[in-house]
Amino acid sequence: MNNERNYITICHLEDHFGTGFLKVKDELILKKEKDNTYDDEAIAVYKDAVRCGYVANSVCSVARGTLSAGRVYDRFEEEASCLVRFIIEDRAIAEVFVRKA
């Protein structure tokens, strides 16, 4: 990724644990989920090795000013990390960092 800051929306938190377990500055892991039957560009979000949500990939779920999963998918190989910056109702906004190989 380039030097500018890139943000994503993390959604489907309510399907797992809600937002109560997340804190600002938590580091999360992003993993491509290539076998996802609903989304070819699915990126799962993990905290402490437990899947807790997904990177938003729909115009209905992507917060303004953040990138969709489709815009982030090709910017890393298998995994990347992100840092929670904001928690808003049922979503979180995180800054993405690509791990260098």
N, C-alpha and C. Protein backbone atom coordinates (compact mmCIF):
# COMPACT_ATOMS: atom_id res chain seq x y z
N MET A 1 0.85 -1.17 0.00
CA MET A 1 0.00 0.00 0.00
C MET A 1 0.89 1.24 0.00
N ASN A 2 0.35 2.33 -0.37
CA ASN A 2 1.14 3.55 -0.45
C ASN A 2 1.28 4.19 0.93
N ASN A 3 1.88 5.39 0.98
CA ASN A 3 2.15 6.05 2.25
C ASN A 3 0.92 6.72 2.87
N GLU A 4 -0.14 6.91 2.10
CA GLU A 4 -1.33 7.51 2.68
C GLU A 4 -2.02 6.51 3.60
N ARG A 5 -2.78 7.02 4.52
CA ARG A 5 -3.49 6.15 5.46
C ARG A 5 -4.71 5.55 4.77
N ASN A 6 -4.90 4.26 4.96
CA ASN A 6 -6.01 3.55 4.37
C ASN A 6 -6.87 2.96 5.48
N TYR A 7 -8.15 3.27 5.43
CA TYR A 7 -9.08 2.82 6.47
C TYR A 7 -10.11 1.87 5.89
N ILE A 8 -10.57 0.95 6.72
CA ILE A 8 -11.61 0.00 6.34
C ILE A 8 -12.71 0.04 7.38
N THR A 9 -13.87 -0.45 6.98
CA THR A 9 -14.98 -0.64 7.92
C THR A 9 -15.03 -2.12 8.25
N ILE A 10 -15.11 -2.43 9.53
CA ILE A 10 -15.26 -3.82 9.96
C ILE A 10 -16.72 -4.00 10.35
N CYS A 11 -17.37 -4.95 9.69
CA CYS A 11 -18.79 -5.18 9.94
C CYS A 11 -19.03 -6.64 10.34
N HIS A 12 -20.28 -6.98 10.52
CA HIS A 12 -20.72 -8.31 10.96
C HIS A 12 -20.19 -8.65 12.35
N LEU A 13 -19.85 -7.63 13.11
CA LEU A 13 -19.39 -7.86 14.48
C LEU A 13 -20.51 -8.45 15.33
N GLU A 14 -21.75 -8.01 15.07
CA GLU A 14 -22.89 -8.51 15.84
C GLU A 14 -23.12 -10.00 15.61
N ASP A 15 -22.66 -10.52 14.48
CA ASP A 15 -22.80 -11.96 14.21
C ASP A 15 -21.86 -12.78 15.08
N HIS A 16 -20.86 -12.13 15.63
CA HIS A 16 -19.85 -12.84 16.41
C HIS A 16 -19.91 -12.42 17.89
N PHE A 17 -19.37 -11.25 18.22
CA PHE A 17 -19.28 -10.85 19.62
C PHE A 17 -19.81 -9.45 19.91
N GLY A 18 -20.28 -8.75 18.88
CA GLY A 18 -20.66 -7.35 19.07
C GLY A 18 -19.41 -6.50 19.12
N THR A 19 -19.55 -5.23 19.46
CA THR A 19 -18.38 -4.35 19.50
C THR A 19 -17.78 -4.25 20.90
N GLY A 20 -18.43 -4.82 21.90
CA GLY A 20 -17.96 -4.69 23.28
C GLY A 20 -16.58 -5.24 23.54
N PHE A 21 -16.14 -6.19 22.76
CA PHE A 21 -14.84 -6.81 22.99
C PHE A 21 -13.70 -6.03 22.32
N LEU A 22 -14.05 -5.09 21.44
CA LEU A 22 -13.04 -4.29 20.76
C LEU A 22 -12.72 -3.02 21.53
N LYS A 23 -11.49 -2.61 21.42
CA LYS A 23 -11.04 -1.36 22.02
C LYS A 23 -10.26 -0.58 20.96
N VAL A 24 -10.31 0.74 21.02
CA VAL A 24 -9.48 1.56 20.16
C VAL A 24 -8.02 1.18 20.41
N LYS A 25 -7.25 1.06 19.36
CA LYS A 25 -5.83 0.65 19.36
C LYS A 25 -5.64 -0.86 19.39
N ASP A 26 -6.72 -1.66 19.35
CA ASP A 26 -6.55 -3.11 19.22
C ASP A 26 -5.96 -3.42 17.86
N GLU A 27 -4.98 -4.32 17.82
CA GLU A 27 -4.45 -4.78 16.54
C GLU A 27 -5.21 -6.04 16.14
N LEU A 28 -5.68 -6.04 14.91
CA LEU A 28 -6.45 -7.16 14.36
C LEU A 28 -5.74 -7.68 13.12
N ILE A 29 -6.02 -8.93 12.79
CA ILE A 29 -5.42 -9.56 11.61
C ILE A 29 -6.50 -9.71 10.53
N LEU A 30 -6.12 -9.38 9.30
CA LEU A 30 -7.00 -9.54 8.15
C LEU A 30 -6.51 -10.74 7.35
N LYS A 31 -7.43 -11.65 7.02
CA LYS A 31 -7.07 -12.83 6.23
C LYS A 31 -8.05 -12.98 5.08
N LYS A 32 -7.51 -13.18 3.89
CA LYS A 32 -8.37 -13.45 2.75
C LYS A 32 -9.10 -14.78 2.98
N GLU A 33 -10.37 -14.79 2.66
CA GLU A 33 -11.18 -16.00 2.83
C GLU A 33 -11.61 -16.46 1.44
N LYS A 34 -10.69 -17.12 0.75
CA LYS A 34 -10.87 -17.48 -0.65
C LYS A 34 -12.00 -18.47 -0.90
N ASP A 35 -12.40 -19.23 0.10
CA ASP A 35 -13.47 -20.21 -0.08
C ASP A 35 -14.84 -19.68 0.35
N ASN A 36 -14.97 -18.38 0.56
CA ASN A 36 -16.24 -17.78 0.97
C ASN A 36 -17.23 -17.86 -0.18
N THR A 37 -18.38 -18.47 0.05
CA THR A 37 -19.37 -18.67 -1.01
C THR A 37 -20.19 -17.43 -1.30
N TYR A 38 -20.15 -16.43 -0.43
CA TYR A 38 -20.96 -15.22 -0.60
C TYR A 38 -20.20 -14.06 -1.24
N ASP A 39 -18.87 -14.06 -1.10
CA ASP A 39 -18.09 -12.91 -1.55
C ASP A 39 -16.71 -13.38 -2.01
N ASP A 40 -16.41 -13.21 -3.29
CA ASP A 40 -15.11 -13.62 -3.84
C ASP A 40 -13.96 -12.79 -3.29
N GLU A 41 -14.26 -11.64 -2.70
CA GLU A 41 -13.22 -10.77 -2.16
C GLU A 41 -13.34 -10.66 -0.64
N ALA A 42 -13.86 -11.69 0.00
CA ALA A 42 -14.07 -11.66 1.44
C ALA A 42 -12.75 -11.60 2.19
N ILE A 43 -12.71 -10.72 3.18
CA ILE A 43 -11.56 -10.60 4.07
C ILE A 43 -12.09 -10.72 5.49
N ALA A 44 -11.71 -11.80 6.16
CA ALA A 44 -12.14 -12.02 7.54
C ALA A 44 -11.22 -11.25 8.48
N VAL A 45 -11.78 -10.86 9.61
CA VAL A 45 -11.05 -10.09 10.63
C VAL A 45 -10.93 -10.96 11.88
N TYR A 46 -9.71 -11.04 12.42
CA TYR A 46 -9.45 -11.88 13.59
C TYR A 46 -8.87 -11.06 14.73
N LYS A 47 -9.31 -11.40 15.93
CA LYS A 47 -8.71 -10.88 17.16
C LYS A 47 -8.33 -12.08 18.01
N ASP A 48 -7.09 -12.14 18.40
CA ASP A 48 -6.60 -13.27 19.21
C ASP A 48 -6.93 -14.61 18.56
N ALA A 49 -6.71 -14.71 17.25
CA ALA A 49 -6.91 -15.93 16.46
C ALA A 49 -8.37 -16.37 16.35
N VAL A 50 -9.31 -15.51 16.71
CA VAL A 50 -10.74 -15.84 16.60
C VAL A 50 -11.39 -14.88 15.61
N ARG A 51 -12.10 -15.43 14.62
CA ARG A 51 -12.77 -14.57 13.65
C ARG A 51 -13.86 -13.77 14.35
N CYS A 52 -13.84 -12.45 14.12
CA CYS A 52 -14.78 -11.58 14.82
C CYS A 52 -15.59 -10.71 13.87
N GLY A 53 -15.31 -10.75 12.58
CA GLY A 53 -16.06 -9.95 11.63
C GLY A 53 -15.45 -10.02 10.25
N TYR A 54 -15.90 -9.10 9.39
CA TYR A 54 -15.42 -9.04 8.01
C TYR A 54 -15.19 -7.59 7.60
N VAL A 55 -14.32 -7.40 6.62
CA VAL A 55 -14.15 -6.08 6.03
C VAL A 55 -15.38 -5.84 5.15
N ALA A 56 -16.03 -4.72 5.34
CA ALA A 56 -17.24 -4.39 4.59
C ALA A 56 -16.94 -4.33 3.10
N ASN A 57 -17.91 -4.82 2.29
CA ASN A 57 -17.70 -4.86 0.84
C ASN A 57 -18.95 -4.48 0.08
N SER A 58 -19.86 -3.78 0.71
CA SER A 58 -21.11 -3.38 0.08
C SER A 58 -21.32 -1.89 0.27
N VAL A 59 -21.96 -1.25 -0.70
CA VAL A 59 -22.23 0.18 -0.55
C VAL A 59 -23.10 0.46 0.68
N CYS A 60 -23.82 -0.54 1.13
CA CYS A 60 -24.67 -0.38 2.32
C CYS A 60 -23.88 -0.48 3.62
N SER A 61 -22.70 -1.12 3.59
CA SER A 61 -21.97 -1.35 4.83
C SER A 61 -20.63 -0.62 4.93
N VAL A 62 -20.10 -0.14 3.82
CA VAL A 62 -18.81 0.57 3.83
C VAL A 62 -19.04 2.01 4.28
N ALA A 63 -18.41 2.40 5.37
CA ALA A 63 -18.55 3.76 5.88
C ALA A 63 -17.85 4.74 4.93
N ARG A 64 -18.41 5.92 4.81
CA ARG A 64 -17.83 6.96 3.94
C ARG A 64 -16.39 7.24 4.36
N GLY A 65 -15.51 7.31 3.37
CA GLY A 65 -14.10 7.60 3.63
C GLY A 65 -13.25 6.36 3.89
N THR A 66 -13.87 5.17 3.84
CA THR A 66 -13.12 3.94 4.03
C THR A 66 -13.14 3.13 2.74
N LEU A 67 -12.21 2.19 2.64
CA LEU A 67 -12.11 1.33 1.46
C LEU A 67 -12.92 0.06 1.66
N SER A 68 -13.50 -0.44 0.58
CA SER A 68 -14.22 -1.71 0.62
C SER A 68 -13.20 -2.86 0.59
N ALA A 69 -13.66 -4.06 0.89
CA ALA A 69 -12.79 -5.24 0.81
C ALA A 69 -12.24 -5.39 -0.61
N GLY A 70 -13.08 -5.10 -1.60
CA GLY A 70 -12.64 -5.20 -2.98
C GLY A 70 -11.49 -4.27 -3.32
N ARG A 71 -11.45 -3.11 -2.69
CA ARG A 71 -10.38 -2.13 -2.94
C ARG A 71 -9.09 -2.49 -2.19
N VAL A 72 -9.21 -3.30 -1.15
CA VAL A 72 -8.06 -3.68 -0.32
C VAL A 72 -7.52 -5.06 -0.70
N TYR A 73 -8.38 -5.91 -1.26
CA TYR A 73 -8.08 -7.33 -1.49
C TYR A 73 -6.74 -7.57 -2.21
N ASP A 74 -6.46 -6.83 -3.26
CA ASP A 74 -5.25 -7.05 -4.05
C ASP A 74 -4.02 -6.32 -3.52
N ARG A 75 -4.13 -5.69 -2.39
CA ARG A 75 -3.01 -4.92 -1.84
C ARG A 75 -2.12 -5.72 -0.89
N PHE A 76 -2.54 -6.96 -0.60
CA PHE A 76 -1.70 -7.82 0.24
C PHE A 76 -1.86 -9.27 -0.21
N GLU A 77 -0.89 -10.10 0.17
CA GLU A 77 -0.91 -11.51 -0.24
C GLU A 77 -2.00 -12.29 0.49
N GLU A 78 -1.71 -12.78 1.67
CA GLU A 78 -2.68 -13.58 2.42
C GLU A 78 -3.17 -12.88 3.69
N GLU A 79 -2.27 -12.16 4.35
CA GLU A 79 -2.60 -11.52 5.62
C GLU A 79 -2.09 -10.09 5.67
N ALA A 80 -2.79 -9.30 6.45
CA ALA A 80 -2.36 -7.93 6.76
C ALA A 80 -2.84 -7.66 8.19
N SER A 81 -2.44 -6.54 8.72
CA SER A 81 -2.92 -6.19 10.06
C SER A 81 -3.62 -4.84 9.98
N CYS A 82 -4.39 -4.56 11.00
CA CYS A 82 -5.05 -3.26 11.08
C CYS A 82 -5.16 -2.86 12.54
N LEU A 83 -5.34 -1.58 12.75
CA LEU A 83 -5.43 -1.02 14.09
C LEU A 83 -6.77 -0.32 14.22
N VAL A 84 -7.56 -0.71 15.22
CA VAL A 84 -8.86 -0.09 15.42
C VAL A 84 -8.66 1.38 15.80
N ARG A 85 -9.31 2.27 15.07
CA ARG A 85 -9.21 3.70 15.32
C ARG A 85 -10.50 4.27 15.91
N PHE A 86 -11.66 3.74 15.49
CA PHE A 86 -12.97 4.21 15.97
C PHE A 86 -13.91 3.03 16.10
N ILE A 87 -14.83 3.12 17.03
CA ILE A 87 -15.90 2.14 17.17
C ILE A 87 -17.21 2.92 17.13
N ILE A 88 -18.05 2.57 16.16
CA ILE A 88 -19.29 3.31 15.93
C ILE A 88 -20.44 2.31 15.86
N GLU A 89 -21.31 2.34 16.85
CA GLU A 89 -22.48 1.46 16.91
C GLU A 89 -22.09 0.01 16.66
N ASP A 90 -22.45 -0.54 15.51
CA ASP A 90 -22.20 -1.95 15.23
C ASP A 90 -21.02 -2.18 14.29
N ARG A 91 -20.20 -1.14 14.08
CA ARG A 91 -19.05 -1.24 13.17
C ARG A 91 -17.81 -0.64 13.82
N ALA A 92 -16.68 -0.99 13.25
CA ALA A 92 -15.41 -0.39 13.68
C ALA A 92 -14.69 0.13 12.45
N ILE A 93 -13.93 1.17 12.63
CA ILE A 93 -13.09 1.72 11.56
C ILE A 93 -11.64 1.44 11.97
N ALA A 94 -10.88 0.87 11.03
CA ALA A 94 -9.51 0.50 11.34
C ALA A 94 -8.57 0.98 10.23
N GLU A 95 -7.35 1.26 10.62
CA GLU A 95 -6.30 1.63 9.68
C GLU A 95 -5.56 0.36 9.26
N VAL A 96 -5.36 0.17 7.97
CA VAL A 96 -4.76 -1.05 7.43
C VAL A 96 -3.25 -0.88 7.29
N PHE A 97 -2.52 -1.94 7.68
CA PHE A 97 -1.07 -2.01 7.50
C PHE A 97 -0.74 -3.32 6.80
N VAL A 98 0.03 -3.24 5.72
CA VAL A 98 0.42 -4.45 5.00
C VAL A 98 1.75 -4.91 5.54
N ARG A 99 1.82 -6.20 5.84
CA ARG A 99 3.08 -6.77 6.32
C ARG A 99 4.01 -6.98 5.14
N LYS A 100 5.22 -6.54 5.29
CA LYS A 100 6.21 -6.73 4.24
C LYS A 100 6.76 -8.15 4.29
N ALA A 101 6.90 -8.76 3.13
CA ALA A 101 7.39 -10.15 3.06
C ALA A 101 8.88 -10.22 3.29
